[in-house]
Amino acid sequence: MNLIDQLDSENMNPAAAKLAIGDDVRVHVRIKDGDKVRIQVFEGTVIAAKGNGPRATVTVRKNSFGVGVERVFPLHSPSVDKIEVKVQHSVRRAKLYFLRERQGKSARLKEAAR
């Protein structure tokens, strides 16, 4: 194993392996306010995943007061404190970009059978 692979494996976030497209997640992000560090929670649906290994990212979408908000999170970044999976949905697409045009009941996903 070369040095880059060794450094990558040391900095991996183990909680990121459980994510799937269509999951409702809570992403706890470290925010720096001046000299203080606080945790901010972003809660939404995973609509896309990109890359693998230490460069993997996920796009999480939520509706905030009727406005769609999307954030791209690097999974293995030190700024991502933890990721909680609330609900898993069964989806048939790799990217859920069609949710951008949907509102209300048509934007719902079917919950995965356990």
PDB file of N, CA and C in Angstrom:
ATOM      1  N   MET A   1       0.851  -1.170   0.000  1.00  0.00           N
ATOM      2  CA  MET A   1       0.000   0.000   0.000  1.00  0.00           C
ATOM      3  C   MET A   1       0.901   1.239   0.000  1.00  0.00           C
ATOM      4  N   ASN A   2       0.617   2.150  -0.920  1.00  0.00           N
ATOM      5  CA  ASN A   2       1.448   3.346  -0.972  1.00  0.00           C
ATOM      6  C   ASN A   2       1.008   4.372   0.078  1.00  0.00           C
ATOM      7  N   LEU A   3       1.739   5.440   0.190  1.00  0.00           N
ATOM      8  CA  LEU A   3       1.520   6.418   1.252  1.00  0.00           C
ATOM      9  C   LEU A   3       0.170   7.127   1.124  1.00  0.00           C
ATOM     10  N   ILE A   4      -0.238   7.432  -0.084  1.00  0.00           N
ATOM     11  CA  ILE A   4      -1.511   8.134  -0.283  1.00  0.00           C
ATOM     12  C   ILE A   4      -2.680   7.247   0.135  1.00  0.00           C
ATOM     13  N   ASP A   5      -2.659   5.978  -0.241  1.00  0.00           N
ATOM     14  CA  ASP A   5      -3.726   5.067   0.168  1.00  0.00           C
ATOM     15  C   ASP A   5      -3.766   4.901   1.683  1.00  0.00           C
ATOM     16  N   GLN A   6      -2.613   4.884   2.312  1.00  0.00           N
ATOM     17  CA  GLN A   6      -2.547   4.741   3.756  1.00  0.00           C
ATOM     18  C   GLN A   6      -3.149   5.968   4.453  1.00  0.00           C
ATOM     19  N   LEU A   7      -2.824   7.169   3.976  1.00  0.00           N
ATOM     20  CA  LEU A   7      -3.388   8.380   4.554  1.00  0.00           C
ATOM     21  C   LEU A   7      -4.899   8.458   4.328  1.00  0.00           C
ATOM     22  N   ASP A   8      -5.350   8.045   3.146  1.00  0.00           N
ATOM     23  CA  ASP A   8      -6.781   8.053   2.854  1.00  0.00           C
ATOM     24  C   ASP A   8      -7.541   7.124   3.785  1.00  0.00           C
ATOM     25  N   SER A   9      -7.020   5.945   4.039  1.00  0.00           N
ATOM     26  CA  SER A   9      -7.727   4.984   4.881  1.00  0.00           C
ATOM     27  C   SER A   9      -7.778   5.442   6.332  1.00  0.00           C
ATOM     28  N   GLU A  10      -6.803   6.215   6.794  1.00  0.00           N
ATOM     29  CA  GLU A  10      -6.805   6.713   8.168  1.00  0.00           C
ATOM     30  C   GLU A  10      -7.856   7.796   8.375  1.00  0.00           C
ATOM     31  N   ASN A  11      -8.182   8.549   7.349  1.00  0.00           N
ATOM     32  CA  ASN A  11      -9.087   9.690   7.478  1.00  0.00           C
ATOM     33  C   ASN A  11     -10.511   9.398   7.049  1.00  0.00           C
ATOM     34  N   MET A  12     -10.863   8.143   6.834  1.00  0.00           N
ATOM     35  CA  MET A  12     -12.207   7.793   6.392  1.00  0.00           C
ATOM     36  C   MET A  12     -13.191   7.874   7.563  1.00  0.00           C
ATOM     37  N   ASN A  13     -14.413   8.289   7.265  1.00  0.00           N
ATOM     38  CA  ASN A  13     -15.483   8.379   8.243  1.00  0.00           C
ATOM     39  C   ASN A  13     -16.288   7.084   8.189  1.00  0.00           C
ATOM     40  N   PRO A  14     -16.315   6.260   9.251  1.00  0.00           N
ATOM     41  CA  PRO A  14     -17.001   4.978   9.176  1.00  0.00           C
ATOM     42  C   PRO A  14     -18.516   5.105   9.060  1.00  0.00           C
ATOM     43  N   ALA A  15     -19.103   6.204   9.511  1.00  0.00           N
ATOM     44  CA  ALA A  15     -20.553   6.377   9.443  1.00  0.00           C
ATOM     45  C   ALA A  15     -21.035   6.608   8.018  1.00  0.00           C
ATOM     46  N   ALA A  16     -20.147   7.009   7.132  1.00  0.00           N
ATOM     47  CA  ALA A  16     -20.550   7.343   5.767  1.00  0.00           C
ATOM     48  C   ALA A  16     -20.866   6.107   4.936  1.00  0.00           C
ATOM     49  N   ALA A  17     -20.445   4.938   5.350  1.00  0.00           N
ATOM     50  CA  ALA A  17     -20.652   3.725   4.559  1.00  0.00           C
ATOM     51  C   ALA A  17     -22.102   3.277   4.553  1.00  0.00           C
ATOM     52  N   LYS A  18     -22.905   3.743   5.504  1.00  0.00           N
ATOM     53  CA  LYS A  18     -24.287   3.281   5.625  1.00  0.00           C
ATOM     54  C   LYS A  18     -25.275   4.100   4.799  1.00  0.00           C
ATOM     55  N   LEU A  19     -24.810   5.112   4.089  1.00  0.00           N
ATOM     56  CA  LEU A  19     -25.708   5.983   3.335  1.00  0.00           C
ATOM     57  C   LEU A  19     -26.121   5.357   2.012  1.00  0.00           C
ATOM     58  N   ALA A  20     -27.350   5.669   1.602  1.00  0.00           N
ATOM     59  CA  ALA A  20     -27.847   5.239   0.299  1.00  0.00           C
ATOM     60  C   ALA A  20     -28.709   6.365  -0.268  1.00  0.00           C
ATOM     61  N   ILE A  21     -28.917   6.315  -1.567  1.00  0.00           N
ATOM     62  CA  ILE A  21     -29.763   7.314  -2.219  1.00  0.00           C
ATOM     63  C   ILE A  21     -31.197   7.148  -1.706  1.00  0.00           C
ATOM     64  N   GLY A  22     -31.852   8.253  -1.384  1.00  0.00           N
ATOM     65  CA  GLY A  22     -33.220   8.212  -0.906  1.00  0.00           C
ATOM     66  C   GLY A  22     -33.349   8.176   0.603  1.00  0.00           C
ATOM     67  N   ASP A  23     -32.251   8.127   1.331  1.00  0.00           N
ATOM     68  CA  ASP A  23     -32.315   8.121   2.790  1.00  0.00           C
ATOM     69  C   ASP A  23     -32.633   9.514   3.315  1.00  0.00           C
ATOM     70  N   ASP A  24     -33.439   9.570   4.374  1.00  0.00           N
ATOM     71  CA  ASP A  24     -33.610  10.815   5.115  1.00  0.00           C
ATOM     72  C   ASP A  24     -32.516  10.845   6.173  1.00  0.00           C
ATOM     73  N   VAL A  25     -31.693  11.881   6.148  1.00  0.00           N
ATOM     74  CA  VAL A  25     -30.530  11.937   7.018  1.00  0.00           C
ATOM     75  C   VAL A  25     -30.491  13.241   7.805  1.00  0.00           C
ATOM     76  N   ARG A  26     -29.742  13.205   8.893  1.00  0.00           N
ATOM     77  CA  ARG A  26     -29.399  14.393   9.662  1.00  0.00           C
ATOM     78  C   ARG A  26     -27.887  14.479   9.631  1.00  0.00           C
ATOM     79  N   VAL A  27     -27.356  15.539   9.005  1.00  0.00           N
ATOM     80  CA  VAL A  27     -25.911  15.733   8.902  1.00  0.00           C
ATOM     81  C   VAL A  27     -25.505  16.786   9.927  1.00  0.00           C
ATOM     82  N   HIS A  28     -24.650  16.413  10.855  1.00  0.00           N
ATOM     83  CA  HIS A  28     -24.150  17.321  11.884  1.00  0.00           C
ATOM     84  C   HIS A  28     -22.841  17.921  11.382  1.00  0.00           C
ATOM     85  N   VAL A  29     -22.842  19.232  11.161  1.00  0.00           N
ATOM     86  CA  VAL A  29     -21.703  19.921  10.561  1.00  0.00           C
ATOM     87  C   VAL A  29     -21.102  20.867  11.588  1.00  0.00           C
ATOM     88  N   ARG A  30     -19.774  20.883  11.672  1.00  0.00           N
ATOM     89  CA  ARG A  30     -19.085  21.823  12.553  1.00  0.00           C
ATOM     90  C   ARG A  30     -19.011  23.174  11.855  1.00  0.00           C
ATOM     91  N   ILE A  31     -19.492  24.215  12.523  1.00  0.00           N
ATOM     92  CA  ILE A  31     -19.469  25.576  12.007  1.00  0.00           C
ATOM     93  C   ILE A  31     -18.573  26.397  12.929  1.00  0.00           C
ATOM     94  N   LYS A  32     -17.670  27.168  12.348  1.00  0.00           N
ATOM     95  CA  LYS A  32     -16.784  28.003  13.148  1.00  0.00           C
ATOM     96  C   LYS A  32     -17.315  29.428  13.146  1.00  0.00           C
ATOM     97  N   ASP A  33     -17.695  29.919  14.343  1.00  0.00           N
ATOM     98  CA  ASP A  33     -18.148  31.301  14.536  1.00  0.00           C
ATOM     99  C   ASP A  33     -17.074  32.040  15.319  1.00  0.00           C
ATOM    100  N   GLY A  34     -16.226  32.764  14.627  1.00  0.00           N
ATOM    101  CA  GLY A  34     -15.144  33.469  15.311  1.00  0.00           C
ATOM    102  C   GLY A  34     -14.180  32.475  15.930  1.00  0.00           C
ATOM    103  N   ASP A  35     -14.105  32.466  17.256  1.00  0.00           N
ATOM    104  CA  ASP A  35     -13.218  31.522  17.926  1.00  0.00           C
ATOM    105  C   ASP A  35     -13.977  30.332  18.501  1.00  0.00           C
ATOM    106  N   LYS A  36     -15.320  30.294  18.342  1.00  0.00           N
ATOM    107  CA  LYS A  36     -16.133  29.196  18.847  1.00  0.00           C
ATOM    108  C   LYS A  36     -16.444  28.211  17.720  1.00  0.00           C
ATOM    109  N   VAL A  37     -16.629  26.971  18.095  1.00  0.00           N
ATOM    110  CA  VAL A  37     -17.055  25.945  17.150  1.00  0.00           C
ATOM    111  C   VAL A  37     -18.378  25.392  17.651  1.00  0.00           C
ATOM    112  N   ARG A  38     -19.381  25.330  16.767  1.00  0.00           N
ATOM    113  CA  ARG A  38     -20.681  24.782  17.139  1.00  0.00           C
ATOM    114  C   ARG A  38     -21.106  23.762  16.109  1.00  0.00           C
ATOM    115  N   ILE A  39     -22.112  22.995  16.443  1.00  0.00           N
ATOM    116  CA  ILE A  39     -22.642  21.965  15.544  1.00  0.00           C
ATOM    117  C   ILE A  39     -23.973  22.455  14.982  1.00  0.00           C
ATOM    118  N   GLN A  40     -24.104  22.394  13.657  1.00  0.00           N
ATOM    119  CA  GLN A  40     -25.356  22.749  12.996  1.00  0.00           C
ATOM    120  C   GLN A  40     -25.877  21.507  12.287  1.00  0.00           C
ATOM    121  N   VAL A  41     -27.168  21.250  12.404  1.00  0.00           N
ATOM    122  CA  VAL A  41     -27.774  20.054  11.824  1.00  0.00           C
ATOM    123  C   VAL A  41     -28.498  20.428  10.538  1.00  0.00           C
ATOM    124  N   PHE A  42     -28.229  19.677   9.479  1.00  0.00           N
ATOM    125  CA  PHE A  42     -28.923  19.841   8.201  1.00  0.00           C
ATOM    126  C   PHE A  42     -29.683  18.545   7.957  1.00  0.00           C
ATOM    127  N   GLU A  43     -30.996  18.638   7.850  1.00  0.00           N
ATOM    128  CA  GLU A  43     -31.837  17.454   7.751  1.00  0.00           C
ATOM    129  C   GLU A  43     -32.536  17.447   6.404  1.00  0.00           C
ATOM    130  N   GLY A  44     -32.397  16.345   5.650  1.00  0.00           N
ATOM    131  CA  GLY A  44     -33.033  16.259   4.347  1.00  0.00           C
ATOM    132  C   GLY A  44     -32.873  14.886   3.733  1.00  0.00           C
ATOM    133  N   THR A  45     -33.127  14.811   2.431  1.00  0.00           N
ATOM    134  CA  THR A  45     -33.081  13.563   1.680  1.00  0.00           C
ATOM    135  C   THR A  45     -31.841  13.532   0.805  1.00  0.00           C
ATOM    136  N   VAL A  46     -31.167  12.394   0.783  1.00  0.00           N
ATOM    137  CA  VAL A  46     -29.996  12.228  -0.083  1.00  0.00           C
ATOM    138  C   VAL A  46     -30.505  12.030  -1.505  1.00  0.00           C
ATOM    139  N   ILE A  47     -30.183  12.988  -2.401  1.00  0.00           N
ATOM    140  CA  ILE A  47     -30.667  12.870  -3.779  1.00  0.00           C
ATOM    141  C   ILE A  47     -29.564  12.457  -4.743  1.00  0.00           C
ATOM    142  N   ALA A  48     -28.298  12.531  -4.316  1.00  0.00           N
ATOM    143  CA  ALA A  48     -27.202  12.149  -5.209  1.00  0.00           C
ATOM    144  C   ALA A  48     -25.979  11.792  -4.383  1.00  0.00           C
ATOM    145  N   ALA A  49     -25.191  10.877  -4.920  1.00  0.00           N
ATOM    146  CA  ALA A  49     -23.900  10.529  -4.338  1.00  0.00           C
ATOM    147  C   ALA A  49     -22.891  10.511  -5.472  1.00  0.00           C
ATOM    148  N   LYS A  50     -21.683  10.969  -5.189  1.00  0.00           N
ATOM    149  CA  LYS A  50     -20.689  11.104  -6.244  1.00  0.00           C
ATOM    150  C   LYS A  50     -19.331  10.717  -5.691  1.00  0.00           C
ATOM    151  N   GLY A  51     -18.543  10.045  -6.486  1.00  0.00           N
ATOM    152  CA  GLY A  51     -17.187   9.694  -6.101  1.00  0.00           C
ATOM    153  C   GLY A  51     -17.138   8.514  -5.161  1.00  0.00           C
ATOM    154  N   ASN A  52     -15.925   8.107  -4.834  1.00  0.00           N
ATOM    155  CA  ASN A  52     -15.729   7.028  -3.880  1.00  0.00           C
ATOM    156  C   ASN A  52     -14.453   7.295  -3.103  1.00  0.00           C
ATOM    157  N   GLY A  53     -14.279   6.558  -2.041  1.00  0.00           N
ATOM    158  CA  GLY A  53     -13.099   6.756  -1.211  1.00  0.00           C
ATOM    159  C   GLY A  53     -13.168   8.076  -0.465  1.00  0.00           C
ATOM    160  N   PRO A  54     -12.042   8.707  -0.238  1.00  0.00           N
ATOM    161  CA  PRO A  54     -12.029   9.925   0.572  1.00  0.00           C
ATOM    162  C   PRO A  54     -12.597  11.147  -0.136  1.00  0.00           C
ATOM    163  N   ARG A  55     -12.830  11.072  -1.420  1.00  0.00           N
ATOM    164  CA  ARG A  55     -13.354  12.214  -2.168  1.00  0.00           C
ATOM    165  C   ARG A  55     -14.857  12.108  -2.418  1.00  0.00           C
ATOM    166  N   ALA A  56     -15.525  11.190  -1.764  1.00  0.00           N
ATOM    167  CA  ALA A  56     -16.956  10.969  -1.962  1.00  0.00           C
ATOM    168  C   ALA A  56     -17.766  12.129  -1.396  1.00  0.00           C
ATOM    169  N   THR A  57     -18.824  12.498  -2.116  1.00  0.00           N
ATOM    170  CA  THR A  57     -19.728  13.552  -1.670  1.00  0.00           C
ATOM    171  C   THR A  57     -21.166  13.084  -1.809  1.00  0.00           C
ATOM    172  N   VAL A  58     -22.045  13.670  -1.016  1.00  0.00           N
ATOM    173  CA  VAL A  58     -23.482  13.435  -1.146  1.00  0.00           C
ATOM    174  C   VAL A  58     -24.178  14.779  -1.219  1.00  0.00           C
ATOM    175  N   THR A  59     -25.266  14.817  -1.972  1.00  0.00           N
ATOM    176  CA  THR A  59     -26.099  16.012  -2.067  1.00  0.00           C
ATOM    177  C   THR A  59     -27.363  15.759  -1.270  1.00  0.00           C
ATOM    178  N   VAL A  60     -27.636  16.631  -0.313  1.00  0.00           N
ATOM    179  CA  VAL A  60     -28.801  16.495   0.557  1.00  0.00           C
ATOM    180  C   VAL A  60     -29.735  17.662   0.274  1.00  0.00           C
ATOM    181  N   ARG A  61     -31.036  17.356   0.110  1.00  0.00           N
ATOM    182  CA  ARG A  61     -32.026  18.375  -0.234  1.00  0.00           C
ATOM    183  C   ARG A  61     -33.103  18.417   0.840  1.00  0.00           C
ATOM    184  N   LYS A  62     -33.504  19.642   1.186  1.00  0.00           N
ATOM    185  CA  LYS A  62     -34.628  19.822   2.096  1.00  0.00           C
ATOM    186  C   LYS A  62     -35.447  21.011   1.631  1.00  0.00           C
ATOM    187  N   ASN A  63     -36.681  21.092   2.092  1.00  0.00           N
ATOM    188  CA  ASN A  63     -37.525  22.253   1.841  1.00  0.00           C
ATOM    189  C   ASN A  63     -37.540  23.088   3.095  1.00  0.00           C
ATOM    190  N   SER A  64     -37.177  24.348   2.966  1.00  0.00           N
ATOM    191  CA  SER A  64     -37.162  25.256   4.097  1.00  0.00           C
ATOM    192  C   SER A  64     -38.097  26.419   3.793  1.00  0.00           C
ATOM    193  N   PHE A  65     -39.242  26.440   4.466  1.00  0.00           N
ATOM    194  CA  PHE A  65     -40.247  27.491   4.273  1.00  0.00           C
ATOM    195  C   PHE A  65     -40.655  27.609   2.813  1.00  0.00           C
ATOM    196  N   GLY A  66     -40.854  26.481   2.137  1.00  0.00           N
ATOM    197  CA  GLY A  66     -41.313  26.460   0.757  1.00  0.00           C
ATOM    198  C   GLY A  66     -40.230  26.654  -0.280  1.00  0.00           C
ATOM    199  N   VAL A  67     -38.975  26.788   0.138  1.00  0.00           N
ATOM    200  CA  VAL A  67     -37.859  26.969  -0.784  1.00  0.00           C
ATOM    201  C   VAL A  67     -36.953  25.755  -0.679  1.00  0.00           C
ATOM    202  N   GLY A  68     -36.619  25.153  -1.814  1.00  0.00           N
ATOM    203  CA  GLY A  68     -35.729  24.000  -1.812  1.00  0.00           C
ATOM    204  C   GLY A  68     -34.294  24.421  -1.563  1.00  0.00           C
ATOM    205  N   VAL A  69     -33.629  23.721  -0.646  1.00  0.00           N
ATOM    206  CA  VAL A  69     -32.241  24.014  -0.304  1.00  0.00           C
ATOM    207  C   VAL A  69     -31.441  22.726  -0.478  1.00  0.00           C
ATOM    208  N   GLU A  70     -30.347  22.815  -1.212  1.00  0.00           N
ATOM    209  CA  GLU A  70     -29.463  21.660  -1.406  1.00  0.00           C
ATOM    210  C   GLU A  70     -28.069  22.009  -0.923  1.00  0.00           C
ATOM    211  N   ARG A  71     -27.431  21.048  -0.273  1.00  0.00           N
ATOM    212  CA  ARG A  71     -26.042  21.209   0.144  1.00  0.00           C
ATOM    213  C   ARG A  71     -25.276  19.961  -0.246  1.00  0.00           C
ATOM    214  N   VAL A  72     -24.053  20.170  -0.661  1.00  0.00           N
ATOM    215  CA  VAL A  72     -23.163  19.066  -1.014  1.00  0.00           C
ATOM    216  C   VAL A  72     -22.177  18.893   0.138  1.00  0.00           C
ATOM    217  N   PHE A  73     -22.152  17.688   0.694  1.00  0.00           N
ATOM    218  CA  PHE A  73     -21.281  17.403   1.828  1.00  0.00           C
ATOM    219  C   PHE A  73     -20.192  16.430   1.416  1.00  0.00           C
ATOM    220  N   PRO A  74     -18.915  16.763   1.662  1.00  0.00           N
ATOM    221  CA  PRO A  74     -17.863  15.765   1.519  1.00  0.00           C
ATOM    222  C   PRO A  74     -17.981  14.794   2.696  1.00  0.00           C
ATOM    223  N   LEU A  75     -18.133  13.515   2.421  1.00  0.00           N
ATOM    224  CA  LEU A  75     -18.424  12.544   3.472  1.00  0.00           C
ATOM    225  C   LEU A  75     -17.304  12.397   4.491  1.00  0.00           C
ATOM    226  N   HIS A  76     -16.078  12.480   4.059  1.00  0.00           N
ATOM    227  CA  HIS A  76     -14.955  12.199   4.941  1.00  0.00           C
ATOM    228  C   HIS A  76     -14.244  13.469   5.392  1.00  0.00           C
ATOM    229  N   SER A  77     -14.928  14.598   5.341  1.00  0.00           N
ATOM    230  CA  SER A  77     -14.356  15.865   5.772  1.00  0.00           C
ATOM    231  C   SER A  77     -14.365  15.946   7.295  1.00  0.00           C
ATOM    232  N   PRO A  78     -13.357  16.583   7.893  1.00  0.00           N
ATOM    233  CA  PRO A  78     -13.392  16.766   9.340  1.00  0.00           C
ATOM    234  C   PRO A  78     -14.517  17.699   9.791  1.00  0.00           C
ATOM    235  N   SER A  79     -15.081  18.488   8.894  1.00  0.00           N
ATOM    236  CA  SER A  79     -16.170  19.386   9.274  1.00  0.00           C
ATOM    237  C   SER A  79     -17.494  18.639   9.446  1.00  0.00           C
ATOM    238  N   VAL A  80     -17.627  17.436   8.889  1.00  0.00           N
ATOM    239  CA  VAL A  80     -18.825  16.626   9.087  1.00  0.00           C
ATOM    240  C   VAL A  80     -18.626  15.818  10.357  1.00  0.00           C
ATOM    241  N   ASP A  81     -19.387  16.163  11.401  1.00  0.00           N
ATOM    242  CA  ASP A  81     -19.221  15.513  12.694  1.00  0.00           C
ATOM    243  C   ASP A  81     -19.801  14.104  12.670  1.00  0.00           C
ATOM    244  N   LYS A  82     -21.092  13.992  12.311  1.00  0.00           N
ATOM    245  CA  LYS A  82     -21.702  12.674  12.191  1.00  0.00           C
ATOM    246  C   LYS A  82     -22.892  12.751  11.255  1.00  0.00           C
ATOM    247  N   ILE A  83     -23.312  11.575  10.781  1.00  0.00           N
ATOM    248  CA  ILE A  83     -24.450  11.468   9.880  1.00  0.00           C
ATOM    249  C   ILE A  83     -25.395  10.426  10.456  1.00  0.00           C
ATOM    250  N   GLU A  84     -26.636  10.825  10.705  1.00  0.00           N
ATOM    251  CA  GLU A  84     -27.647   9.913  11.225  1.00  0.00           C
ATOM    252  C   GLU A  84     -28.640   9.604  10.109  1.00  0.00           C
ATOM    253  N   VAL A  85     -28.910   8.327   9.901  1.00  0.00           N
ATOM    254  CA  VAL A  85     -29.933   7.916   8.940  1.00  0.00           C
ATOM    255  C   VAL A  85     -31.233   7.756   9.700  1.00  0.00           C
ATOM    256  N   LYS A  86     -32.245   8.566   9.355  1.00  0.00           N
ATOM    257  CA  LYS A  86     -33.533   8.502  10.031  1.00  0.00           C
ATOM    258  C   LYS A  86     -34.433   7.450   9.407  1.00  0.00           C
ATOM    259  N   VAL A  87     -34.655   7.557   8.089  1.00  0.00           N
ATOM    260  CA  VAL A  87     -35.564   6.662   7.378  1.00  0.00           C
ATOM    261  C   VAL A  87     -34.912   6.261   6.070  1.00  0.00           C
ATOM    262  N   GLN A  88     -35.066   5.001   5.694  1.00  0.00           N
ATOM    263  CA  GLN A  88     -34.572   4.542   4.401  1.00  0.00           C
ATOM    264  C   GLN A  88     -35.765   4.365   3.468  1.00  0.00           C
ATOM    265  N   HIS A  89     -35.617   4.839   2.237  1.00  0.00           N
ATOM    266  CA  HIS A  89     -36.657   4.714   1.231  1.00  0.00           C
ATOM    267  C   HIS A  89     -36.160   3.810   0.108  1.00  0.00           C
ATOM    268  N   SER A  90     -37.105   3.125  -0.544  1.00  0.00           N
ATOM    269  CA  SER A  90     -36.714   2.329  -1.707  1.00  0.00           C
ATOM    270  C   SER A  90     -36.905   3.194  -2.946  1.00  0.00           C
ATOM    271  N   VAL A  91     -35.855   3.328  -3.725  1.00  0.00           N
ATOM    272  CA  VAL A  91     -35.887   4.150  -4.928  1.00  0.00           C
ATOM    273  C   VAL A  91     -35.371   3.323  -6.097  1.00  0.00           C
ATOM    274  N   ARG A  92     -35.716   3.757  -7.291  1.00  0.00           N
ATOM    275  CA  ARG A  92     -35.318   3.028  -8.492  1.00  0.00           C
ATOM    276  C   ARG A  92     -34.398   3.851  -9.374  1.00  0.00           C
ATOM    277  N   ARG A  93     -33.855   4.917  -8.852  1.00  0.00           N
ATOM    278  CA  ARG A  93     -32.972   5.801  -9.609  1.00  0.00           C
ATOM    279  C   ARG A  93     -31.678   5.999  -8.829  1.00  0.00           C
ATOM    280  N   ALA A  94     -30.616   6.309  -9.561  1.00  0.00           N
ATOM    281  CA  ALA A  94     -29.337   6.612  -8.923  1.00  0.00           C
ATOM    282  C   ALA A  94     -29.275   8.074  -8.494  1.00  0.00           C
ATOM    283  N   LYS A  95     -29.978   8.932  -9.186  1.00  0.00           N
ATOM    284  CA  LYS A  95     -30.042  10.356  -8.851  1.00  0.00           C
ATOM    285  C   LYS A  95     -31.512  10.751  -8.765  1.00  0.00           C
ATOM    286  N   LEU A  96     -31.888  11.440  -7.720  1.00  0.00           N
ATOM    287  CA  LEU A  96     -33.285  11.812  -7.511  1.00  0.00           C
ATOM    288  C   LEU A  96     -33.528  13.279  -7.834  1.00  0.00           C
ATOM    289  N   TYR A  97     -32.983  13.734  -8.947  1.00  0.00           N
ATOM    290  CA  TYR A  97     -33.130  15.129  -9.334  1.00  0.00           C
ATOM    291  C   TYR A  97     -34.565  15.500  -9.672  1.00  0.00           C
ATOM    292  N   PHE A  98     -35.416  14.509  -9.946  1.00  0.00           N
ATOM    293  CA  PHE A  98     -36.809  14.806 -10.268  1.00  0.00           C
ATOM    294  C   PHE A  98     -37.548  15.384  -9.060  1.00  0.00           C
ATOM    295  N   LEU A  99     -37.016  15.206  -7.860  1.00  0.00           N
ATOM    296  CA  LEU A  99     -37.658  15.770  -6.669  1.00  0.00           C
ATOM    297  C   LEU A  99     -37.583  17.297  -6.646  1.00  0.00           C
ATOM    298  N   ARG A 100     -36.712  17.878  -7.448  1.00  0.00           N
ATOM    299  CA  ARG A 100     -36.583  19.337  -7.481  1.00  0.00           C
ATOM    300  C   ARG A 100     -37.850  20.001  -7.992  1.00  0.00           C
ATOM    301  N   GLU A 101     -38.556  19.360  -8.900  1.00  0.00           N
ATOM    302  CA  GLU A 101     -39.770  19.935  -9.471  1.00  0.00           C
ATOM    303  C   GLU A 101     -41.027  19.523  -8.718  1.00  0.00           C
ATOM    304  N   ARG A 102     -40.914  18.641  -7.748  1.00  0.00           N
ATOM    305  CA  ARG A 102     -42.093  18.116  -7.062  1.00  0.00           C
ATOM    306  C   ARG A 102     -42.316  18.821  -5.733  1.00  0.00           C
ATOM    307  N   GLN A 103     -43.604  18.886  -5.347  1.00  0.00           N
ATOM    308  CA  GLN A 103     -43.973  19.476  -4.068  1.00  0.00           C
ATOM    309  C   GLN A 103     -45.048  18.610  -3.436  1.00  0.00           C
ATOM    310  N   GLY A 104     -45.171  18.693  -2.146  1.00  0.00           N
ATOM    311  CA  GLY A 104     -46.270  18.032  -1.449  1.00  0.00           C
ATOM    312  C   GLY A 104     -46.232  16.522  -1.551  1.00  0.00           C
ATOM    313  N   LYS A 105     -47.424  15.943  -1.820  1.00  0.00           N
ATOM    314  CA  LYS A 105     -47.536  14.495  -1.826  1.00  0.00           C
ATOM    315  C   LYS A 105     -46.771  13.841  -2.967  1.00  0.00           C
ATOM    316  N   SER A 106     -46.601  14.535  -4.072  1.00  0.00           N
ATOM    317  CA  SER A 106     -45.897  13.929  -5.207  1.00  0.00           C
ATOM    318  C   SER A 106     -44.394  13.836  -4.952  1.00  0.00           C
ATOM    319  N   ALA A 107     -43.905  14.516  -3.925  1.00  0.00           N
ATOM    320  CA  ALA A 107     -42.476  14.468  -3.600  1.00  0.00           C
ATOM    321  C   ALA A 107     -42.155  13.382  -2.584  1.00  0.00           C
ATOM    322  N   ARG A 108     -43.161  12.597  -2.184  1.00  0.00           N
ATOM    323  CA  ARG A 108     -42.914  11.545  -1.192  1.00  0.00           C
ATOM    324  C   ARG A 108     -42.249  10.351  -1.847  1.00  0.00           C
ATOM    325  N   LEU A 109     -41.485   9.630  -1.047  1.00  0.00           N
ATOM    326  CA  LEU A 109     -40.840   8.385  -1.477  1.00  0.00           C
ATOM    327  C   LEU A 109     -41.413   7.239  -0.655  1.00  0.00           C
ATOM    328  N   LYS A 110     -41.378   6.023  -1.227  1.00  0.00           N
ATOM    329  CA  LYS A 110     -41.874   4.858  -0.512  1.00  0.00           C
ATOM    330  C   LYS A 110     -40.843   4.372   0.483  1.00  0.00           C
ATOM    331  N   GLU A 111     -41.294   4.086   1.689  1.00  0.00           N
ATOM    332  CA  GLU A 111     -40.385   3.603   2.722  1.00  0.00           C
ATOM    333  C   GLU A 111     -39.952   2.183   2.402  1.00  0.00           C
ATOM    334  N   ALA A 112     -38.689   1.884   2.642  1.00  0.00           N
ATOM    335  CA  ALA A 112     -38.131   0.568   2.329  1.00  0.00           C
ATOM    336  C   ALA A 112     -38.694  -0.469   3.283  1.00  0.00           C
ATOM    337  N   ALA A 113     -38.963  -1.663   2.752  1.00  0.00           N
ATOM    338  CA  ALA A 113     -39.408  -2.774   3.591  1.00  0.00           C
ATOM    339  C   ALA A 113     -38.218  -3.291   4.384  1.00  0.00           C
ATOM    340  N   ARG A 114     -38.431  -3.549   5.647  1.00  0.00           N
ATOM    341  CA  ARG A 114     -37.323  -3.999   6.493  1.00  0.00           C
ATOM    342  C   ARG A 114     -37.392  -5.451   6.772  1.00  0.00           C
TER     343      ARG A 114
END
